[in-house]
PDB file of N, CA and C in Angstrom:
ATOM      1  N   MET A   1     209.574  58.363 140.508  1.00  0.00           N
ATOM      2  CA  MET A   1     209.519  58.461 141.946  1.00  0.00           C
ATOM      3  C   MET A   1     209.241  59.926 142.310  1.00  0.00           C
ATOM      4  N   SER A   2     208.167  60.174 143.021  1.00  0.00           N
ATOM      5  CA  SER A   2     207.824  61.546 143.411  1.00  0.00           C
ATOM      6  C   SER A   2     207.706  61.640 144.933  1.00  0.00           C
ATOM      7  N   PHE A   3     207.960  62.835 145.406  1.00  0.00           N
ATOM      8  CA  PHE A   3     207.862  63.124 146.827  1.00  0.00           C
ATOM      9  C   PHE A   3     206.751  64.133 147.054  1.00  0.00           C
ATOM     10  N   GLN A   4     206.167  64.089 148.230  1.00  0.00           N
ATOM     11  CA  GLN A   4     205.209  65.107 148.640  1.00  0.00           C
ATOM     12  C   GLN A   4     205.871  65.902 149.763  1.00  0.00           C
ATOM     13  N   VAL A   5     205.953  67.219 149.579  1.00  0.00           N
ATOM     14  CA  VAL A   5     206.598  68.074 150.569  1.00  0.00           C
ATOM     15  C   VAL A   5     205.573  69.053 151.114  1.00  0.00           C
ATOM     16  N   ALA A   6     205.458  69.106 152.438  1.00  0.00           N
ATOM     17  CA  ALA A   6     204.565  70.059 153.102  1.00  0.00           C
ATOM     18  C   ALA A   6     205.429  71.044 153.888  1.00  0.00           C
ATOM     19  N   LEU A   7     205.219  72.322 153.623  1.00  0.00           N
ATOM     20  CA  LEU A   7     205.987  73.375 154.273  1.00  0.00           C
ATOM     21  C   LEU A   7     205.059  74.156 155.188  1.00  0.00           C
ATOM     22  N   HIS A   8     205.342  74.133 156.491  1.00  0.00           N
ATOM     23  CA  HIS A   8     204.517  74.835 157.463  1.00  0.00           C
ATOM     24  C   HIS A   8     204.627  76.341 157.231  1.00  0.00           C
ATOM     25  N   PRO A   9     203.523  77.090 157.279  1.00  0.00           N
ATOM     26  CA  PRO A   9     203.572  78.543 157.034  1.00  0.00           C
ATOM     27  C   PRO A   9     204.510  79.298 157.967  1.00  0.00           C
ATOM     28  N   LEU A  10     204.663  78.842 159.198  1.00  0.00           N
ATOM     29  CA  LEU A  10     205.557  79.525 160.134  1.00  0.00           C
ATOM     30  C   LEU A  10     207.012  79.478 159.653  1.00  0.00           C
ATOM     31  N   VAL A  11     207.378  78.430 158.945  1.00  0.00           N
ATOM     32  CA  VAL A  11     208.730  78.333 158.388  1.00  0.00           C
ATOM     33  C   VAL A  11     208.962  79.467 157.398  1.00  0.00           C
ATOM     34  N   LEU A  12     207.994  79.714 156.529  1.00  0.00           N
ATOM     35  CA  LEU A  12     208.121  80.806 155.555  1.00  0.00           C
ATOM     36  C   LEU A  12     208.231  82.155 156.248  1.00  0.00           C
ATOM     37  N   LEU A  13     207.441  82.368 157.298  1.00  0.00           N
ATOM     38  CA  LEU A  13     207.513  83.624 158.048  1.00  0.00           C
ATOM     39  C   LEU A  13     208.870  83.793 158.725  1.00  0.00           C
ATOM     40  N   THR A  14     209.396  82.718 159.275  1.00  0.00           N
ATOM     41  CA  THR A  14     210.696  82.765 159.943  1.00  0.00           C
ATOM     42  C   THR A  14     211.798  83.126 158.952  1.00  0.00           C
ATOM     43  N   ILE A  15     211.789  82.490 157.794  1.00  0.00           N
ATOM     44  CA  ILE A  15     212.804  82.772 156.769  1.00  0.00           C
ATOM     45  C   ILE A  15     212.678  84.215 156.293  1.00  0.00           C
ATOM     46  N   SER A  16     211.460  84.639 156.011  1.00  0.00           N
ATOM     47  CA  SER A  16     211.231  86.010 155.540  1.00  0.00           C
ATOM     48  C   SER A  16     211.697  87.029 156.577  1.00  0.00           C
ATOM     49  N   ASP A  17     211.379  86.792 157.853  1.00  0.00           N
ATOM     50  CA  ASP A  17     211.792  87.694 158.928  1.00  0.00           C
ATOM     51  C   ASP A  17     213.309  87.773 159.026  1.00  0.00           C
ATOM     52  N   TYR A  18     213.965  86.645 158.943  1.00  0.00           N
ATOM     53  CA  TYR A  18     215.418  86.609 159.063  1.00  0.00           C
ATOM     54  C   TYR A  18     216.076  87.372 157.910  1.00  0.00           C
ATOM     55  N   ILE A  19     215.609  87.154 156.701  1.00  0.00           N
ATOM     56  CA  ILE A  19     216.177  87.852 155.537  1.00  0.00           C
ATOM     57  C   ILE A  19     215.921  89.355 155.638  1.00  0.00           C
ATOM     58  N   THR A  20     214.714  89.726 156.066  1.00  0.00           N
ATOM     59  CA  THR A  20     214.388  91.152 156.213  1.00  0.00           C
ATOM     60  C   THR A  20     215.298  91.821 157.241  1.00  0.00           C
ATOM     61  N   ARG A  21     215.479  91.199 158.405  1.00  0.00           N
ATOM     62  CA  ARG A  21     216.352  91.772 159.434  1.00  0.00           C
ATOM     63  C   ARG A  21     217.801  91.853 158.959  1.00  0.00           C
ATOM     64  N   HIS A  22     218.252  90.826 158.283  1.00  0.00           N
ATOM     65  CA  HIS A  22     219.618  90.796 157.747  1.00  0.00           C
ATOM     66  C   HIS A  22     219.836  91.969 156.782  1.00  0.00           C
ATOM     67  N   THR A  23     218.849  92.209 155.924  1.00  0.00           N
ATOM     68  CA  THR A  23     218.938  93.282 154.935  1.00  0.00           C
ATOM     69  C   THR A  23     218.863  94.653 155.590  1.00  0.00           C
ATOM     70  N   LEU A  24     217.888  94.863 156.490  1.00  0.00           N
ATOM     71  CA  LEU A  24     217.723  96.165 157.120  1.00  0.00           C
ATOM     72  C   LEU A  24     218.912  96.550 158.009  1.00  0.00           C
ATOM     73  N   ARG A  25     219.541  95.571 158.608  1.00  0.00           N
ATOM     74  CA  ARG A  25     220.718  95.828 159.450  1.00  0.00           C
ATOM     75  C   ARG A  25     221.993  95.960 158.614  1.00  0.00           C
ATOM     76  N   GLN A  26     221.849  95.784 157.316  1.00  0.00           N
ATOM     77  CA  GLN A  26     222.972  95.849 156.374  1.00  0.00           C
ATOM     78  C   GLN A  26     224.111  94.927 156.810  1.00  0.00           C
ATOM     79  N   GLN A  27     223.715  93.721 157.230  1.00  0.00           N
ATOM     80  CA  GLN A  27     224.709  92.741 157.656  1.00  0.00           C
ATOM     81  C   GLN A  27     225.424  92.165 156.446  1.00  0.00           C
ATOM     82  N   LYS A  28     226.680  91.874 156.611  1.00  0.00           N
ATOM     83  CA  LYS A  28     227.497  91.280 155.554  1.00  0.00           C
ATOM     84  C   LYS A  28     227.447  89.753 155.686  1.00  0.00           C
ATOM     85  N   GLY A  29     227.779  89.101 154.622  1.00  0.00           N
ATOM     86  CA  GLY A  29     227.869  87.643 154.654  1.00  0.00           C
ATOM     87  C   GLY A  29     226.566  86.977 154.282  1.00  0.00           C
ATOM     88  N   PRO A  30     226.606  85.668 154.204  1.00  0.00           N
ATOM     89  CA  PRO A  30     225.435  84.904 153.764  1.00  0.00           C
ATOM     90  C   PRO A  30     224.361  84.810 154.846  1.00  0.00           C
ATOM     91  N   VAL A  31     223.157  84.540 154.415  1.00  0.00           N
ATOM     92  CA  VAL A  31     222.052  84.225 155.307  1.00  0.00           C
ATOM     93  C   VAL A  31     222.056  82.704 155.466  1.00  0.00           C
ATOM     94  N   VAL A  32     222.263  82.239 156.695  1.00  0.00           N
ATOM     95  CA  VAL A  32     222.386  80.802 156.937  1.00  0.00           C
ATOM     96  C   VAL A  32     221.338  80.379 157.959  1.00  0.00           C
ATOM     97  N   GLY A  33     220.647  79.285 157.657  1.00  0.00           N
ATOM     98  CA  GLY A  33     219.636  78.789 158.573  1.00  0.00           C
ATOM     99  C   GLY A  33     219.474  77.292 158.451  1.00  0.00           C
ATOM    100  N   ALA A  34     218.674  76.747 159.338  1.00  0.00           N
ATOM    101  CA  ALA A  34     218.403  75.312 159.342  1.00  0.00           C
ATOM    102  C   ALA A  34     216.910  75.079 159.205  1.00  0.00           C
ATOM    103  N   LEU A  35     216.559  74.037 158.484  1.00  0.00           N
ATOM    104  CA  LEU A  35     215.170  73.604 158.357  1.00  0.00           C
ATOM    105  C   LEU A  35     215.060  72.241 159.016  1.00  0.00           C
ATOM    106  N   LEU A  36     214.045  72.076 159.853  1.00  0.00           N
ATOM    107  CA  LEU A  36     213.835  70.807 160.534  1.00  0.00           C
ATOM    108  C   LEU A  36     212.456  70.268 160.193  1.00  0.00           C
ATOM    109  N   GLY A  37     212.380  68.986 160.061  1.00  0.00           N
ATOM    110  CA  GLY A  37     211.100  68.367 159.762  1.00  0.00           C
ATOM    111  C   GLY A  37     211.197  66.865 159.911  1.00  0.00           C
ATOM    112  N   GLN A  38     210.300  66.195 159.218  1.00  0.00           N
ATOM    113  CA  GLN A  38     210.245  64.747 159.310  1.00  0.00           C
ATOM    114  C   GLN A  38     210.028  64.163 157.927  1.00  0.00           C
ATOM    115  N   GLN A  39     210.461  62.916 157.769  1.00  0.00           N
ATOM    116  CA  GLN A  39     210.194  62.194 156.546  1.00  0.00           C
ATOM    117  C   GLN A  39     209.513  60.888 156.909  1.00  0.00           C
ATOM    118  N   ASN A  40     208.416  60.626 156.242  1.00  0.00           N
ATOM    119  CA  ASN A  40     207.681  59.377 156.415  1.00  0.00           C
ATOM    120  C   ASN A  40     207.483  58.806 155.018  1.00  0.00           C
ATOM    121  N   GLY A  41     208.337  57.862 154.650  1.00  0.00           N
ATOM    122  CA  GLY A  41     208.288  57.344 153.289  1.00  0.00           C
ATOM    123  C   GLY A  41     208.641  58.437 152.302  1.00  0.00           C
ATOM    124  N   ARG A  42     207.721  58.742 151.407  1.00  0.00           N
ATOM    125  CA  ARG A  42     207.960  59.779 150.395  1.00  0.00           C
ATOM    126  C   ARG A  42     207.321  61.111 150.773  1.00  0.00           C
ATOM    127  N   GLU A  43     206.844  61.209 151.993  1.00  0.00           N
ATOM    128  CA  GLU A  43     206.251  62.457 152.464  1.00  0.00           C
ATOM    129  C   GLU A  43     207.229  63.166 153.390  1.00  0.00           C
ATOM    130  N   ILE A  44     207.517  64.420 153.072  1.00  0.00           N
ATOM    131  CA  ILE A  44     208.442  65.231 153.864  1.00  0.00           C
ATOM    132  C   ILE A  44     207.682  66.439 154.388  1.00  0.00           C
ATOM    133  N   THR A  45     207.819  66.702 155.676  1.00  0.00           N
ATOM    134  CA  THR A  45     207.207  67.900 156.258  1.00  0.00           C
ATOM    135  C   THR A  45     208.313  68.757 156.858  1.00  0.00           C
ATOM    136  N   ILE A  46     208.312  70.037 156.503  1.00  0.00           N
ATOM    137  CA  ILE A  46     209.263  71.003 157.058  1.00  0.00           C
ATOM    138  C   ILE A  46     208.469  71.807 158.084  1.00  0.00           C
ATOM    139  N   GLU A  47     208.845  71.684 159.359  1.00  0.00           N
ATOM    140  CA  GLU A  47     208.028  72.223 160.443  1.00  0.00           C
ATOM    141  C   GLU A  47     208.680  73.347 161.242  1.00  0.00           C
ATOM    142  N   HIS A  48     209.999  73.437 161.211  1.00  0.00           N
ATOM    143  CA  HIS A  48     210.707  74.439 162.013  1.00  0.00           C
ATOM    144  C   HIS A  48     211.870  75.024 161.214  1.00  0.00           C
ATOM    145  N   ALA A  49     212.197  76.261 161.523  1.00  0.00           N
ATOM    146  CA  ALA A  49     213.366  76.917 160.918  1.00  0.00           C
ATOM    147  C   ALA A  49     213.985  77.827 161.963  1.00  0.00           C
ATOM    148  N   PHE A  50     215.297  77.949 161.911  1.00  0.00           N
ATOM    149  CA  PHE A  50     215.975  78.899 162.778  1.00  0.00           C
ATOM    150  C   PHE A  50     217.273  79.344 162.128  1.00  0.00           C
ATOM    151  N   GLU A  51     217.709  80.549 162.507  1.00  0.00           N
ATOM    152  CA  GLU A  51     218.963  81.057 161.974  1.00  0.00           C
ATOM    153  C   GLU A  51     220.117  80.295 162.617  1.00  0.00           C
ATOM    154  N   VAL A  52     221.232  80.253 161.910  1.00  0.00           N
ATOM    155  CA  VAL A  52     222.391  79.491 162.366  1.00  0.00           C
ATOM    156  C   VAL A  52     223.566  80.445 162.587  1.00  0.00           C
ATOM    157  N   LEU A  53     224.225  80.273 163.712  1.00  0.00           N
ATOM    158  CA  LEU A  53     225.392  81.080 164.054  1.00  0.00           C
ATOM    159  C   LEU A  53     226.611  80.556 163.303  1.00  0.00           C
ATOM    160  N   CYS A  54     227.210  81.423 162.518  1.00  0.00           N
ATOM    161  CA  CYS A  54     228.399  81.063 161.745  1.00  0.00           C
ATOM    162  C   CYS A  54     229.519  82.035 162.079  1.00  0.00           C
ATOM    163  N   GLN A  55     230.710  81.659 161.692  1.00  0.00           N
ATOM    164  CA  GLN A  55     231.856  82.530 161.886  1.00  0.00           C
ATOM    165  C   GLN A  55     232.785  82.370 160.689  1.00  0.00           C
ATOM    166  N   GLU A  56     233.580  83.388 160.460  1.00  0.00           N
ATOM    167  CA  GLU A  56     234.536  83.314 159.359  1.00  0.00           C
ATOM    168  C   GLU A  56     235.860  82.788 159.894  1.00  0.00           C
ATOM    169  N   VAL A  57     236.344  81.724 159.273  1.00  0.00           N
ATOM    170  CA  VAL A  57     237.610  81.112 159.660  1.00  0.00           C
ATOM    171  C   VAL A  57     238.458  80.972 158.403  1.00  0.00           C
ATOM    172  N   GLU A  58     239.571  81.679 158.381  1.00  0.00           N
ATOM    173  CA  GLU A  58     240.493  81.641 157.247  1.00  0.00           C
ATOM    174  C   GLU A  58     239.775  81.898 155.923  1.00  0.00           C
ATOM    175  N   GLY A  59     238.881  82.888 155.934  1.00  0.00           N
ATOM    176  CA  GLY A  59     238.183  83.291 154.718  1.00  0.00           C
ATOM    177  C   GLY A  59     236.981  82.448 154.347  1.00  0.00           C
ATOM    178  N   GLU A  60     236.647  81.448 155.146  1.00  0.00           N
ATOM    179  CA  GLU A  60     235.487  80.591 154.875  1.00  0.00           C
ATOM    180  C   GLU A  60     234.447  80.766 155.964  1.00  0.00           C
ATOM    181  N   ILE A  61     233.172  80.666 155.577  1.00  0.00           N
ATOM    182  CA  ILE A  61     232.076  80.708 156.535  1.00  0.00           C
ATOM    183  C   ILE A  61     231.897  79.306 157.111  1.00  0.00           C
ATOM    184  N   VAL A  62     231.999  79.206 158.443  1.00  0.00           N
ATOM    185  CA  VAL A  62     231.971  77.910 159.110  1.00  0.00           C
ATOM    186  C   VAL A  62     230.877  77.914 160.169  1.00  0.00           C
ATOM    187  N   LEU A  63     230.156  76.837 160.225  1.00  0.00           N
ATOM    188  CA  LEU A  63     229.110  76.636 161.222  1.00  0.00           C
ATOM    189  C   LEU A  63     229.751  76.498 162.602  1.00  0.00           C
ATOM    190  N   ASN A  64     229.195  77.186 163.601  1.00  0.00           N
ATOM    191  CA  ASN A  64     229.658  77.020 164.976  1.00  0.00           C
ATOM    192  C   ASN A  64     229.056  75.707 165.486  1.00  0.00           C
ATOM    193  N   GLN A  65     229.840  74.640 165.457  1.00  0.00           N
ATOM    194  CA  GLN A  65     229.348  73.285 165.704  1.00  0.00           C
ATOM    195  C   GLN A  65     228.716  73.118 167.089  1.00  0.00           C
ATOM    196  N   ALA A  66     229.377  73.601 168.134  1.00  0.00           N
ATOM    197  CA  ALA A  66     228.840  73.443 169.493  1.00  0.00           C
ATOM    198  C   ALA A  66     227.515  74.177 169.637  1.00  0.00           C
ATOM    199  N   TRP A  67     227.435  75.403 169.122  1.00  0.00           N
ATOM    200  CA  TRP A  67     226.198  76.175 169.197  1.00  0.00           C
ATOM    201  C   TRP A  67     225.086  75.459 168.441  1.00  0.00           C
ATOM    202  N   PHE A  68     225.413  74.953 167.239  1.00  0.00           N
ATOM    203  CA  PHE A  68     224.403  74.280 166.425  1.00  0.00           C
ATOM    204  C   PHE A  68     223.872  73.025 167.119  1.00  0.00           C
ATOM    205  N   GLU A  69     224.754  72.237 167.691  1.00  0.00           N
ATOM    206  CA  GLU A  69     224.319  71.019 168.386  1.00  0.00           C
ATOM    207  C   GLU A  69     223.411  71.346 169.565  1.00  0.00           C
ATOM    208  N   ASP A  70     223.735  72.398 170.328  1.00  0.00           N
ATOM    209  CA  ASP A  70     222.875  72.826 171.438  1.00  0.00           C
ATOM    210  C   ASP A  70     221.513  73.263 170.918  1.00  0.00           C
ATOM    211  N   ARG A  71     221.514  74.064 169.857  1.00  0.00           N
ATOM    212  CA  ARG A  71     220.256  74.570 169.287  1.00  0.00           C
ATOM    213  C   ARG A  71     219.425  73.429 168.718  1.00  0.00           C
ATOM    214  N   LEU A  72     220.074  72.469 168.101  1.00  0.00           N
ATOM    215  CA  LEU A  72     219.372  71.316 167.548  1.00  0.00           C
ATOM    216  C   LEU A  72     218.715  70.498 168.657  1.00  0.00           C
ATOM    217  N   GLN A  73     219.420  70.320 169.771  1.00  0.00           N
ATOM    218  CA  GLN A  73     218.849  69.599 170.916  1.00  0.00           C
ATOM    219  C   GLN A  73     217.583  70.313 171.428  1.00  0.00           C
ATOM    220  N   GLN A  74     217.622  71.651 171.464  1.00  0.00           N
ATOM    221  CA  GLN A  74     216.478  72.420 171.937  1.00  0.00           C
ATOM    222  C   GLN A  74     215.279  72.278 170.990  1.00  0.00           C
ATOM    223  N   SER A  75     215.543  72.019 169.737  1.00  0.00           N
ATOM    224  CA  SER A  75     214.482  71.978 168.722  1.00  0.00           C
ATOM    225  C   SER A  75     213.988  70.583 168.415  1.00  0.00           C
ATOM    226  N   LYS A  76     214.568  69.568 169.019  1.00  0.00           N
ATOM    227  CA  LYS A  76     214.200  68.196 168.682  1.00  0.00           C
ATOM    228  C   LYS A  76     212.721  67.956 168.954  1.00  0.00           C
ATOM    229  N   LEU A  77     212.107  67.303 167.971  1.00  0.00           N
ATOM    230  CA  LEU A  77     210.703  66.937 168.111  1.00  0.00           C
ATOM    231  C   LEU A  77     210.614  65.657 168.929  1.00  0.00           C
ATOM    232  N   PRO A  78     209.599  65.538 169.759  1.00  0.00           N
ATOM    233  CA  PRO A  78     209.453  64.293 170.524  1.00  0.00           C
ATOM    234  C   PRO A  78     209.142  63.135 169.587  1.00  0.00           C
ATOM    235  N   ASN A  79     209.683  61.981 169.901  1.00  0.00           N
ATOM    236  CA  ASN A  79     209.421  60.786 169.107  1.00  0.00           C
ATOM    237  C   ASN A  79     208.037  60.273 169.476  1.00  0.00           C
ATOM    238  N   LEU A  80     207.107  60.360 168.539  1.00  0.00           N
ATOM    239  CA  LEU A  80     205.723  60.010 168.814  1.00  0.00           C
ATOM    240  C   LEU A  80     205.430  58.530 168.572  1.00  0.00           C
ATOM    241  N   SER A  81     206.411  57.751 168.193  1.00  0.00           N
ATOM    242  CA  SER A  81     206.139  56.337 167.920  1.00  0.00           C
ATOM    243  C   SER A  81     206.275  55.483 169.151  1.00  0.00           C
TER     244      SER A  81
END
């Protein structure tokens, strides 16, 4: 069973930009982001990427759930079917 994955070039630029800014600002902690795309059978397309707001809670890195849900709503692709 094989999959075909297509990665949009803008996704690579977004990831590269985020890592570069994180490094140049000498920020601590992990680089966390989200990849959004679609799956049609065995074909997967990754079309969008964005950084994710996290916070440290009791020594663990935790996703800010409310912020993520709002950001995800803003990024939703229209249903073309």
